[in-house]
Amino acid sequence: MNARTIGILSLCAALAACGSKSADEAAPTDASTVAAAPAPTMAVPVAMEPAPEGLPSRIAREVIADSGQPCAQVATAERGEDGTITATCSGGEAYQVYTSPGQGPVAVKQ
């Protein structure tokens, strides 16, 4: 698991524990008094496709600049097994660069 996955799982655990009541404290419900509610919908996760082909540092520099985010100079850029690029700038900013279907190459600050 990567740091992002661990962070999301920690947040979910914290939210699940927040304000929860034990079964004894919970108010009983009667099916005849409960209004029919629509089924909850889940947000579609972002599809991350590989970043464009080429030298990772050049691709990262171009995509970060095109997105208008700060990065004086790309200090490191590595292409992962999934084809996405993790880049760190000289100022300490970190980005994940990938291709989003229908949107093209994107840089997301980490």
PDB file of N, CA and C in Angstrom:
ATOM      1  N   MET A   1       0.843  -1.178   0.000  1.00  0.00           N
ATOM      2  CA  MET A   1       0.000   0.000   0.000  1.00  0.00           C
ATOM      3  C   MET A   1       0.886   1.239   0.000  1.00  0.00           C
ATOM      4  N   ASN A   2       0.438   2.245  -0.723  1.00  0.00           N
ATOM      5  CA  ASN A   2       1.196   3.489  -0.735  1.00  0.00           C
ATOM      6  C   ASN A   2       0.666   4.433   0.336  1.00  0.00           C
ATOM      7  N   ALA A   3       1.351   5.557   0.521  1.00  0.00           N
ATOM      8  CA  ALA A   3       0.991   6.509   1.571  1.00  0.00           C
ATOM      9  C   ALA A   3      -0.412   7.066   1.366  1.00  0.00           C
ATOM     10  N   ARG A   4      -0.819   7.257   0.115  1.00  0.00           N
ATOM     11  CA  ARG A   4      -2.150   7.800  -0.163  1.00  0.00           C
ATOM     12  C   ARG A   4      -3.235   6.830   0.305  1.00  0.00           C
ATOM     13  N   THR A   5      -3.051   5.548   0.026  1.00  0.00           N
ATOM     14  CA  THR A   5      -4.019   4.533   0.423  1.00  0.00           C
ATOM     15  C   THR A   5      -4.111   4.447   1.945  1.00  0.00           C
ATOM     16  N   ILE A   6      -2.973   4.497   2.617  1.00  0.00           N
ATOM     17  CA  ILE A   6      -2.963   4.440   4.076  1.00  0.00           C
ATOM     18  C   ILE A   6      -3.678   5.654   4.645  1.00  0.00           C
ATOM     19  N   GLY A   7      -3.444   6.833   4.061  1.00  0.00           N
ATOM     20  CA  GLY A   7      -4.103   8.044   4.524  1.00  0.00           C
ATOM     21  C   GLY A   7      -5.608   7.964   4.374  1.00  0.00           C
ATOM     22  N   ILE A   8      -6.064   7.445   3.241  1.00  0.00           N
ATOM     23  CA  ILE A   8      -7.499   7.322   2.996  1.00  0.00           C
ATOM     24  C   ILE A   8      -8.127   6.332   3.980  1.00  0.00           C
ATOM     25  N   LEU A   9      -7.444   5.213   4.210  1.00  0.00           N
ATOM     26  CA  LEU A   9      -7.969   4.223   5.153  1.00  0.00           C
ATOM     27  C   LEU A   9      -8.029   4.800   6.562  1.00  0.00           C
ATOM     28  N   SER A  10      -7.021   5.574   6.956  1.00  0.00           N
ATOM     29  CA  SER A  10      -7.023   6.202   8.283  1.00  0.00           C
ATOM     30  C   SER A  10      -8.183   7.175   8.409  1.00  0.00           C
ATOM     31  N   LEU A  11      -8.422   7.960   7.377  1.00  0.00           N
ATOM     32  CA  LEU A  11      -9.523   8.914   7.390  1.00  0.00           C
ATOM     33  C   LEU A  11     -10.862   8.195   7.498  1.00  0.00           C
ATOM     34  N   CYS A  12     -11.031   7.112   6.758  1.00  0.00           N
ATOM     35  CA  CYS A  12     -12.275   6.343   6.812  1.00  0.00           C
ATOM     36  C   CYS A  12     -12.495   5.772   8.215  1.00  0.00           C
ATOM     37  N   ALA A  13     -11.435   5.262   8.836  1.00  0.00           N
ATOM     38  CA  ALA A  13     -11.562   4.706  10.190  1.00  0.00           C
ATOM     39  C   ALA A  13     -11.934   5.798  11.181  1.00  0.00           C
ATOM     40  N   ALA A  14     -11.332   6.976  11.041  1.00  0.00           N
ATOM     41  CA  ALA A  14     -11.642   8.075  11.948  1.00  0.00           C
ATOM     42  C   ALA A  14     -13.084   8.530  11.775  1.00  0.00           C
ATOM     43  N   LEU A  15     -13.541   8.615  10.542  1.00  0.00           N
ATOM     44  CA  LEU A  15     -14.922   9.028  10.288  1.00  0.00           C
ATOM     45  C   LEU A  15     -15.921   7.992  10.793  1.00  0.00           C
ATOM     46  N   ALA A  16     -15.575   6.728  10.667  1.00  0.00           N
ATOM     47  CA  ALA A  16     -16.473   5.675  11.124  1.00  0.00           C
ATOM     48  C   ALA A  16     -16.627   5.712  12.646  1.00  0.00           C
ATOM     49  N   ALA A  17     -15.569   6.063  13.357  1.00  0.00           N
ATOM     50  CA  ALA A  17     -15.611   6.100  14.808  1.00  0.00           C
ATOM     51  C   ALA A  17     -16.219   7.390  15.341  1.00  0.00           C
ATOM     52  N   CYS A  18     -16.276   8.400  14.523  1.00  0.00           N
ATOM     53  CA  CYS A  18     -16.744   9.718  14.953  1.00  0.00           C
ATOM     54  C   CYS A  18     -18.257   9.720  15.179  1.00  0.00           C
ATOM     55  N   GLY A  19     -18.661   9.988  16.395  1.00  0.00           N
ATOM     56  CA  GLY A  19     -20.079  10.157  16.702  1.00  0.00           C
ATOM     57  C   GLY A  19     -20.914   8.906  16.594  1.00  0.00           C
ATOM     58  N   SER A  20     -20.312   7.750  16.608  1.00  0.00           N
ATOM     59  CA  SER A  20     -21.108   6.535  16.485  1.00  0.00           C
ATOM     60  C   SER A  20     -21.717   6.162  17.834  1.00  0.00           C
ATOM     61  N   LYS A  21     -22.874   5.521  17.794  1.00  0.00           N
ATOM     62  CA  LYS A  21     -23.579   5.094  19.003  1.00  0.00           C
ATOM     63  C   LYS A  21     -23.554   3.571  19.065  1.00  0.00           C
ATOM     64  N   SER A  22     -23.608   3.064  20.290  1.00  0.00           N
ATOM     65  CA  SER A  22     -23.682   1.620  20.430  1.00  0.00           C
ATOM     66  C   SER A  22     -25.083   1.168  20.025  1.00  0.00           C
ATOM     67  N   ALA A  23     -25.266  -0.107  19.827  1.00  0.00           N
ATOM     68  CA  ALA A  23     -26.559  -0.646  19.408  1.00  0.00           C
ATOM     69  C   ALA A  23     -27.639  -0.354  20.451  1.00  0.00           C
ATOM     70  N   ASP A  24     -27.260  -0.327  21.755  1.00  0.00           N
ATOM     71  CA  ASP A  24     -28.220  -0.050  22.821  1.00  0.00           C
ATOM     72  C   ASP A  24     -28.718   1.391  22.782  1.00  0.00           C
ATOM     73  N   GLU A  25     -27.863   2.333  22.370  1.00  0.00           N
ATOM     74  CA  GLU A  25     -28.222   3.745  22.339  1.00  0.00           C
ATOM     75  C   GLU A  25     -28.969   4.141  21.076  1.00  0.00           C
ATOM     76  N   ALA A  26     -28.827   3.381  20.038  1.00  0.00           N
ATOM     77  CA  ALA A  26     -29.437   3.729  18.756  1.00  0.00           C
ATOM     78  C   ALA A  26     -30.955   3.654  18.855  1.00  0.00           C
ATOM     79  N   ALA A  27     -31.622   4.594  18.227  1.00  0.00           N
ATOM     80  CA  ALA A  27     -33.086   4.620  18.261  1.00  0.00           C
ATOM     81  C   ALA A  27     -33.638   3.499  17.397  1.00  0.00           C
ATOM     82  N   PRO A  28     -34.658   2.789  17.896  1.00  0.00           N
ATOM     83  CA  PRO A  28     -35.258   1.732  17.074  1.00  0.00           C
ATOM     84  C   PRO A  28     -35.987   2.348  15.881  1.00  0.00           C
ATOM     85  N   THR A  29     -35.989   1.635  14.797  1.00  0.00           N
ATOM     86  CA  THR A  29     -36.676   2.127  13.602  1.00  0.00           C
ATOM     87  C   THR A  29     -37.800   1.179  13.228  1.00  0.00           C
ATOM     88  N   ASP A  30     -38.849   1.750  12.704  1.00  0.00           N
ATOM     89  CA  ASP A  30     -39.992   0.988  12.246  1.00  0.00           C
ATOM     90  C   ASP A  30     -40.058   1.197  10.744  1.00  0.00           C
ATOM     91  N   ALA A  31     -40.087   0.136   9.978  1.00  0.00           N
ATOM     92  CA  ALA A  31     -40.057   0.228   8.523  1.00  0.00           C
ATOM     93  C   ALA A  31     -41.197   1.078   7.982  1.00  0.00           C
ATOM     94  N   SER A  32     -42.341   1.141   8.692  1.00  0.00           N
ATOM     95  CA  SER A  32     -43.471   1.910   8.190  1.00  0.00           C
ATOM     96  C   SER A  32     -43.272   3.416   8.373  1.00  0.00           C
ATOM     97  N   THR A  33     -42.382   3.841   9.275  1.00  0.00           N
ATOM     98  CA  THR A  33     -42.169   5.275   9.513  1.00  0.00           C
ATOM     99  C   THR A  33     -40.941   5.816   8.806  1.00  0.00           C
ATOM    100  N   VAL A  34     -40.157   4.959   8.208  1.00  0.00           N
ATOM    101  CA  VAL A  34     -38.942   5.392   7.533  1.00  0.00           C
ATOM    102  C   VAL A  34     -39.265   5.679   6.062  1.00  0.00           C
ATOM    103  N   ALA A  35     -38.968   6.905   5.615  1.00  0.00           N
ATOM    104  CA  ALA A  35     -39.207   7.268   4.217  1.00  0.00           C
ATOM    105  C   ALA A  35     -38.202   6.553   3.325  1.00  0.00           C
ATOM    106  N   ALA A  36     -38.669   6.196   2.160  1.00  0.00           N
ATOM    107  CA  ALA A  36     -37.780   5.544   1.208  1.00  0.00           C
ATOM    108  C   ALA A  36     -36.731   6.545   0.746  1.00  0.00           C
ATOM    109  N   ALA A  37     -35.490   6.191   0.911  1.00  0.00           N
ATOM    110  CA  ALA A  37     -34.391   7.067   0.509  1.00  0.00           C
ATOM    111  C   ALA A  37     -33.702   6.452  -0.707  1.00  0.00           C
ATOM    112  N   PRO A  38     -33.209   7.302  -1.589  1.00  0.00           N
ATOM    113  CA  PRO A  38     -32.488   6.756  -2.742  1.00  0.00           C
ATOM    114  C   PRO A  38     -31.207   6.072  -2.278  1.00  0.00           C
ATOM    115  N   ALA A  39     -30.790   5.102  -3.016  1.00  0.00           N
ATOM    116  CA  ALA A  39     -29.568   4.390  -2.682  1.00  0.00           C
ATOM    117  C   ALA A  39     -28.386   5.351  -2.758  1.00  0.00           C
ATOM    118  N   PRO A  40     -27.452   5.248  -1.813  1.00  0.00           N
ATOM    119  CA  PRO A  40     -26.292   6.140  -1.863  1.00  0.00           C
ATOM    120  C   PRO A  40     -25.448   5.836  -3.097  1.00  0.00           C
ATOM    121  N   THR A  41     -24.830   6.868  -3.619  1.00  0.00           N
ATOM    122  CA  THR A  41     -23.971   6.674  -4.781  1.00  0.00           C
ATOM    123  C   THR A  41     -22.532   6.926  -4.370  1.00  0.00           C
ATOM    124  N   MET A  42     -21.651   6.204  -4.970  1.00  0.00           N
ATOM    125  CA  MET A  42     -20.232   6.362  -4.689  1.00  0.00           C
ATOM    126  C   MET A  42     -19.623   7.203  -5.803  1.00  0.00           C
ATOM    127  N   ALA A  43     -18.695   8.075  -5.433  1.00  0.00           N
ATOM    128  CA  ALA A  43     -17.975   8.852  -6.433  1.00  0.00           C
ATOM    129  C   ALA A  43     -17.081   7.905  -7.222  1.00  0.00           C
ATOM    130  N   VAL A  44     -17.023   8.115  -8.496  1.00  0.00           N
ATOM    131  CA  VAL A  44     -16.192   7.279  -9.357  1.00  0.00           C
ATOM    132  C   VAL A  44     -14.730   7.651  -9.120  1.00  0.00           C
ATOM    133  N   PRO A  45     -13.877   6.676  -8.807  1.00  0.00           N
ATOM    134  CA  PRO A  45     -12.476   6.994  -8.606  1.00  0.00           C
ATOM    135  C   PRO A  45     -11.838   7.506  -9.907  1.00  0.00           C
ATOM    136  N   VAL A  46     -10.836   8.334  -9.753  1.00  0.00           N
ATOM    137  CA  VAL A  46     -10.157   8.896 -10.908  1.00  0.00           C
ATOM    138  C   VAL A  46      -9.367   7.789 -11.590  1.00  0.00           C
ATOM    139  N   ALA A  47      -9.576   7.651 -12.895  1.00  0.00           N
ATOM    140  CA  ALA A  47      -8.830   6.665 -13.660  1.00  0.00           C
ATOM    141  C   ALA A  47      -7.471   7.264 -13.993  1.00  0.00           C
ATOM    142  N   MET A  48      -6.431   6.600 -13.557  1.00  0.00           N
ATOM    143  CA  MET A  48      -5.081   7.074 -13.824  1.00  0.00           C
ATOM    144  C   MET A  48      -4.440   6.186 -14.865  1.00  0.00           C
ATOM    145  N   GLU A  49      -4.243   6.739 -16.040  1.00  0.00           N
ATOM    146  CA  GLU A  49      -3.545   6.024 -17.095  1.00  0.00           C
ATOM    147  C   GLU A  49      -2.106   6.523 -17.136  1.00  0.00           C
ATOM    148  N   PRO A  50      -1.206   5.786 -17.766  1.00  0.00           N
ATOM    149  CA  PRO A  50       0.194   6.193 -17.802  1.00  0.00           C
ATOM    150  C   PRO A  50       0.381   7.619 -18.338  1.00  0.00           C
ATOM    151  N   ALA A  51       1.392   8.290 -17.805  1.00  0.00           N
ATOM    152  CA  ALA A  51       1.759   9.616 -18.296  1.00  0.00           C
ATOM    153  C   ALA A  51       2.271   9.471 -19.734  1.00  0.00           C
ATOM    154  N   PRO A  52       2.301  10.550 -20.500  1.00  0.00           N
ATOM    155  CA  PRO A  52       2.813  10.468 -21.872  1.00  0.00           C
ATOM    156  C   PRO A  52       4.229   9.885 -21.907  1.00  0.00           C
ATOM    157  N   GLU A  53       4.546   9.247 -23.003  1.00  0.00           N
ATOM    158  CA  GLU A  53       5.871   8.663 -23.184  1.00  0.00           C
ATOM    159  C   GLU A  53       6.917   9.766 -23.283  1.00  0.00           C
ATOM    160  N   GLY A  54       8.118   9.452 -22.867  1.00  0.00           N
ATOM    161  CA  GLY A  54       9.229  10.389 -22.956  1.00  0.00           C
ATOM    162  C   GLY A  54      10.013  10.435 -21.671  1.00  0.00           C
ATOM    163  N   LEU A  55      11.021  11.277 -21.637  1.00  0.00           N
ATOM    164  CA  LEU A  55      11.862  11.444 -20.465  1.00  0.00           C
ATOM    165  C   LEU A  55      11.008  11.956 -19.305  1.00  0.00           C
ATOM    166  N   PRO A  56      10.951  11.217 -18.175  1.00  0.00           N
ATOM    167  CA  PRO A  56      10.069  11.606 -17.073  1.00  0.00           C
ATOM    168  C   PRO A  56      10.244  13.050 -16.596  1.00  0.00           C
ATOM    169  N   SER A  57      11.477  13.542 -16.507  1.00  0.00           N
ATOM    170  CA  SER A  57      11.687  14.913 -16.018  1.00  0.00           C
ATOM    171  C   SER A  57      11.124  15.940 -17.004  1.00  0.00           C
ATOM    172  N   ARG A  58      11.255  15.676 -18.299  1.00  0.00           N
ATOM    173  CA  ARG A  58      10.728  16.601 -19.308  1.00  0.00           C
ATOM    174  C   ARG A  58       9.204  16.586 -19.303  1.00  0.00           C
ATOM    175  N   ILE A  59       8.617  15.395 -19.258  1.00  0.00           N
ATOM    176  CA  ILE A  59       7.160  15.269 -19.238  1.00  0.00           C
ATOM    177  C   ILE A  59       6.604  15.946 -17.993  1.00  0.00           C
ATOM    178  N   ALA A  60       7.210  15.684 -16.828  1.00  0.00           N
ATOM    179  CA  ALA A  60       6.739  16.287 -15.579  1.00  0.00           C
ATOM    180  C   ALA A  60       6.828  17.808 -15.659  1.00  0.00           C
ATOM    181  N   ARG A  61       7.950  18.337 -16.129  1.00  0.00           N
ATOM    182  CA  ARG A  61       8.123  19.791 -16.233  1.00  0.00           C
ATOM    183  C   ARG A  61       7.046  20.409 -17.111  1.00  0.00           C
ATOM    184  N   GLU A  62       6.774  19.804 -18.257  1.00  0.00           N
ATOM    185  CA  GLU A  62       5.787  20.344 -19.199  1.00  0.00           C
ATOM    186  C   GLU A  62       4.366  20.277 -18.641  1.00  0.00           C
ATOM    187  N   VAL A  63       3.987  19.136 -18.052  1.00  0.00           N
ATOM    188  CA  VAL A  63       2.620  18.966 -17.556  1.00  0.00           C
ATOM    189  C   VAL A  63       2.374  19.865 -16.339  1.00  0.00           C
ATOM    190  N   ILE A  64       3.355  19.964 -15.437  1.00  0.00           N
ATOM    191  CA  ILE A  64       3.201  20.834 -14.265  1.00  0.00           C
ATOM    192  C   ILE A  64       3.066  22.288 -14.712  1.00  0.00           C
ATOM    193  N   ALA A  65       3.909  22.714 -15.653  1.00  0.00           N
ATOM    194  CA  ALA A  65       3.841  24.099 -16.151  1.00  0.00           C
ATOM    195  C   ALA A  65       2.509  24.360 -16.843  1.00  0.00           C
ATOM    196  N   ASP A  66       2.041  23.415 -17.659  1.00  0.00           N
ATOM    197  CA  ASP A  66       0.763  23.576 -18.366  1.00  0.00           C
ATOM    198  C   ASP A  66      -0.417  23.665 -17.405  1.00  0.00           C
ATOM    199  N   SER A  67      -0.283  23.045 -16.230  1.00  0.00           N
ATOM    200  CA  SER A  67      -1.370  23.083 -15.252  1.00  0.00           C
ATOM    201  C   SER A  67      -1.338  24.361 -14.413  1.00  0.00           C
ATOM    202  N   GLY A  68      -0.280  25.174 -14.573  1.00  0.00           N
ATOM    203  CA  GLY A  68      -0.184  26.439 -13.856  1.00  0.00           C
ATOM    204  C   GLY A  68       0.226  26.307 -12.397  1.00  0.00           C
ATOM    205  N   GLN A  69       0.780  25.170 -12.033  1.00  0.00           N
ATOM    206  CA  GLN A  69       1.193  24.952 -10.646  1.00  0.00           C
ATOM    207  C   GLN A  69       2.659  25.333 -10.472  1.00  0.00           C
ATOM    208  N   PRO A  70       3.049  25.694  -9.243  1.00  0.00           N
ATOM    209  CA  PRO A  70       4.424  26.141  -9.021  1.00  0.00           C
ATOM    210  C   PRO A  70       5.437  25.006  -9.054  1.00  0.00           C
ATOM    211  N   CYS A  71       6.524  25.234  -9.751  1.00  0.00           N
ATOM    212  CA  CYS A  71       7.656  24.309  -9.784  1.00  0.00           C
ATOM    213  C   CYS A  71       8.790  25.032 -10.497  1.00  0.00           C
ATOM    214  N   ALA A  72       9.750  25.522  -9.716  1.00  0.00           N
ATOM    215  CA  ALA A  72      10.871  26.253 -10.311  1.00  0.00           C
ATOM    216  C   ALA A  72      11.695  25.340 -11.215  1.00  0.00           C
ATOM    217  N   GLN A  73      11.976  24.131 -10.731  1.00  0.00           N
ATOM    218  CA  GLN A  73      12.759  23.171 -11.496  1.00  0.00           C
ATOM    219  C   GLN A  73      12.442  21.773 -10.997  1.00  0.00           C
ATOM    220  N   VAL A  74      12.303  20.811 -11.890  1.00  0.00           N
ATOM    221  CA  VAL A  74      12.059  19.425 -11.497  1.00  0.00           C
ATOM    222  C   VAL A  74      13.382  18.841 -11.016  1.00  0.00           C
ATOM    223  N   ALA A  75      13.447  18.503  -9.722  1.00  0.00           N
ATOM    224  CA  ALA A  75      14.669  17.954  -9.136  1.00  0.00           C
ATOM    225  C   ALA A  75      14.778  16.452  -9.400  1.00  0.00           C
ATOM    226  N   THR A  76      13.654  15.728  -9.228  1.00  0.00           N
ATOM    227  CA  THR A  76      13.632  14.288  -9.506  1.00  0.00           C
ATOM    228  C   THR A  76      12.312  13.929 -10.168  1.00  0.00           C
ATOM    229  N   ALA A  77      12.360  12.945 -11.020  1.00  0.00           N
ATOM    230  CA  ALA A  77      11.146  12.438 -11.664  1.00  0.00           C
ATOM    231  C   ALA A  77      11.363  10.964 -11.974  1.00  0.00           C
ATOM    232  N   GLU A  78      10.456  10.138 -11.470  1.00  0.00           N
ATOM    233  CA  GLU A  78      10.568   8.698 -11.684  1.00  0.00           C
ATOM    234  C   GLU A  78       9.251   8.146 -12.195  1.00  0.00           C
ATOM    235  N   ARG A  79       9.352   7.278 -13.198  1.00  0.00           N
ATOM    236  CA  ARG A  79       8.165   6.632 -13.738  1.00  0.00           C
ATOM    237  C   ARG A  79       7.931   5.338 -12.968  1.00  0.00           C
ATOM    238  N   GLY A  80       6.731   5.188 -12.430  1.00  0.00           N
ATOM    239  CA  GLY A  80       6.387   3.993 -11.665  1.00  0.00           C
ATOM    240  C   GLY A  80       5.991   2.841 -12.568  1.00  0.00           C
ATOM    241  N   GLU A  81       5.750   1.684 -11.952  1.00  0.00           N
ATOM    242  CA  GLU A  81       5.361   0.497 -12.706  1.00  0.00           C
ATOM    243  C   GLU A  81       4.046   0.695 -13.451  1.00  0.00           C
ATOM    244  N   ASP A  82       3.162   1.574 -12.896  1.00  0.00           N
ATOM    245  CA  ASP A  82       1.879   1.827 -13.547  1.00  0.00           C
ATOM    246  C   ASP A  82       1.975   2.885 -14.647  1.00  0.00           C
ATOM    247  N   GLY A  83       3.179   3.425 -14.870  1.00  0.00           N
ATOM    248  CA  GLY A  83       3.374   4.399 -15.935  1.00  0.00           C
ATOM    249  C   GLY A  83       3.187   5.842 -15.509  1.00  0.00           C
ATOM    250  N   THR A  84       2.733   6.065 -14.267  1.00  0.00           N
ATOM    251  CA  THR A  84       2.592   7.435 -13.785  1.00  0.00           C
ATOM    252  C   THR A  84       3.965   7.939 -13.348  1.00  0.00           C
ATOM    253  N   ILE A  85       4.102   9.254 -13.265  1.00  0.00           N
ATOM    254  CA  ILE A  85       5.383   9.853 -12.890  1.00  0.00           C
ATOM    255  C   ILE A  85       5.226  10.564 -11.557  1.00  0.00           C
ATOM    256  N   THR A  86       6.145  10.306 -10.639  1.00  0.00           N
ATOM    257  CA  THR A  86       6.201  11.036  -9.376  1.00  0.00           C
ATOM    258  C   THR A  86       7.369  12.000  -9.495  1.00  0.00           C
ATOM    259  N   ALA A  87       7.069  13.297  -9.364  1.00  0.00           N
ATOM    260  CA  ALA A  87       8.090  14.328  -9.535  1.00  0.00           C
ATOM    261  C   ALA A  87       8.191  15.186  -8.283  1.00  0.00           C
ATOM    262  N   THR A  88       9.413  15.581  -7.966  1.00  0.00           N
ATOM    263  CA  THR A  88       9.671  16.508  -6.869  1.00  0.00           C
ATOM    264  C   THR A  88      10.400  17.709  -7.444  1.00  0.00           C
ATOM    265  N   CYS A  89       9.941  18.902  -7.054  1.00  0.00           N
ATOM    266  CA  CYS A  89      10.542  20.140  -7.549  1.00  0.00           C
ATOM    267  C   CYS A  89      11.613  20.642  -6.581  1.00  0.00           C
ATOM    268  N   SER A  90      12.455  21.543  -7.059  1.00  0.00           N
ATOM    269  CA  SER A  90      13.540  22.077  -6.232  1.00  0.00           C
ATOM    270  C   SER A  90      13.008  22.819  -5.011  1.00  0.00           C
ATOM    271  N   GLY A  91      11.787  23.335  -5.063  1.00  0.00           N
ATOM    272  CA  GLY A  91      11.179  24.032  -3.924  1.00  0.00           C
ATOM    273  C   GLY A  91      10.491  23.101  -2.946  1.00  0.00           C
ATOM    274  N   GLY A  92      10.523  21.785  -3.192  1.00  0.00           N
ATOM    275  CA  GLY A  92       9.921  20.810  -2.291  1.00  0.00           C
ATOM    276  C   GLY A  92       8.537  20.340  -2.706  1.00  0.00           C
ATOM    277  N   GLU A  93       7.915  20.975  -3.718  1.00  0.00           N
ATOM    278  CA  GLU A  93       6.590  20.543  -4.169  1.00  0.00           C
ATOM    279  C   GLU A  93       6.709  19.153  -4.794  1.00  0.00           C
ATOM    280  N   ALA A  94       5.694  18.326  -4.573  1.00  0.00           N
ATOM    281  CA  ALA A  94       5.673  16.976  -5.138  1.00  0.00           C
ATOM    282  C   ALA A  94       4.392  16.807  -5.946  1.00  0.00           C
ATOM    283  N   TYR A  95       4.498  16.162  -7.090  1.00  0.00           N
ATOM    284  CA  TYR A  95       3.363  15.979  -7.986  1.00  0.00           C
ATOM    285  C   TYR A  95       3.326  14.554  -8.505  1.00  0.00           C
ATOM    286  N   GLN A  96       2.108  14.103  -8.814  1.00  0.00           N
ATOM    287  CA  GLN A  96       1.939  12.853  -9.538  1.00  0.00           C
ATOM    288  C   GLN A  96       1.400  13.238 -10.904  1.00  0.00           C
ATOM    289  N   VAL A  97       2.064  12.768 -11.932  1.00  0.00           N
ATOM    290  CA  VAL A  97       1.702  13.103 -13.303  1.00  0.00           C
ATOM    291  C   VAL A  97       1.163  11.846 -13.972  1.00  0.00           C
ATOM    292  N   TYR A  98      -0.020  11.971 -14.566  1.00  0.00           N
ATOM    293  CA  TYR A  98      -0.630  10.845 -15.255  1.00  0.00           C
ATOM    294  C   TYR A  98      -1.579  11.376 -16.321  1.00  0.00           C
ATOM    295  N   THR A  99      -2.175  10.474 -17.083  1.00  0.00           N
ATOM    296  CA  THR A  99      -3.144  10.850 -18.099  1.00  0.00           C
ATOM    297  C   THR A  99      -4.526  10.494 -17.586  1.00  0.00           C
ATOM    298  N   SER A 100      -5.430  11.476 -17.627  1.00  0.00           N
ATOM    299  CA  SER A 100      -6.811  11.268 -17.213  1.00  0.00           C
ATOM    300  C   SER A 100      -7.657  11.160 -18.473  1.00  0.00           C
ATOM    301  N   PRO A 101      -8.442  10.078 -18.625  1.00  0.00           N
ATOM    302  CA  PRO A 101      -9.266   9.924 -19.818  1.00  0.00           C
ATOM    303  C   PRO A 101     -10.202  11.136 -20.000  1.00  0.00           C
ATOM    304  N   GLY A 102     -10.227  11.683 -21.176  1.00  0.00           N
ATOM    305  CA  GLY A 102     -11.095  12.808 -21.485  1.00  0.00           C
ATOM    306  C   GLY A 102     -10.506  14.146 -21.071  1.00  0.00           C
ATOM    307  N   GLN A 103      -9.406  14.128 -20.315  1.00  0.00           N
ATOM    308  CA  GLN A 103      -8.796  15.367 -19.845  1.00  0.00           C
ATOM    309  C   GLN A 103      -7.357  15.502 -20.329  1.00  0.00           C
ATOM    310  N   GLY A 104      -6.687  14.398 -20.586  1.00  0.00           N
ATOM    311  CA  GLY A 104      -5.297  14.434 -21.022  1.00  0.00           C
ATOM    312  C   GLY A 104      -4.355  14.402 -19.845  1.00  0.00           C
ATOM    313  N   PRO A 105      -3.087  14.779 -20.065  1.00  0.00           N
ATOM    314  CA  PRO A 105      -2.096  14.745 -18.996  1.00  0.00           C
ATOM    315  C   PRO A 105      -2.437  15.749 -17.890  1.00  0.00           C
ATOM    316  N   VAL A 106      -2.324  15.301 -16.626  1.00  0.00           N
ATOM    317  CA  VAL A 106      -2.577  16.149 -15.475  1.00  0.00           C
ATOM    318  C   VAL A 106      -1.461  15.988 -14.448  1.00  0.00           C
ATOM    319  N   ALA A 107      -1.281  17.022 -13.615  1.00  0.00           N
ATOM    320  CA  ALA A 107      -0.325  16.976 -12.503  1.00  0.00           C
ATOM    321  C   ALA A 107      -1.117  17.279 -11.236  1.00  0.00           C
ATOM    322  N   VAL A 108      -1.067  16.372 -10.282  1.00  0.00           N
ATOM    323  CA  VAL A 108      -1.799  16.529  -9.017  1.00  0.00           C
ATOM    324  C   VAL A 108      -0.777  16.681  -7.903  1.00  0.00           C
ATOM    325  N   LYS A 109      -0.914  17.790  -7.144  1.00  0.00           N
ATOM    326  CA  LYS A 109       0.006  18.041  -6.039  1.00  0.00           C
ATOM    327  C   LYS A 109      -0.224  17.015  -4.951  1.00  0.00           C
ATOM    328  N   GLN A 110       0.857  16.476  -4.417  1.00  0.00           N
ATOM    329  CA  GLN A 110       0.755  15.450  -3.373  1.00  0.00           C
ATOM    330  C   GLN A 110       0.968  16.067  -2.012  1.00  0.00           C
TER     331      GLN A 110
END
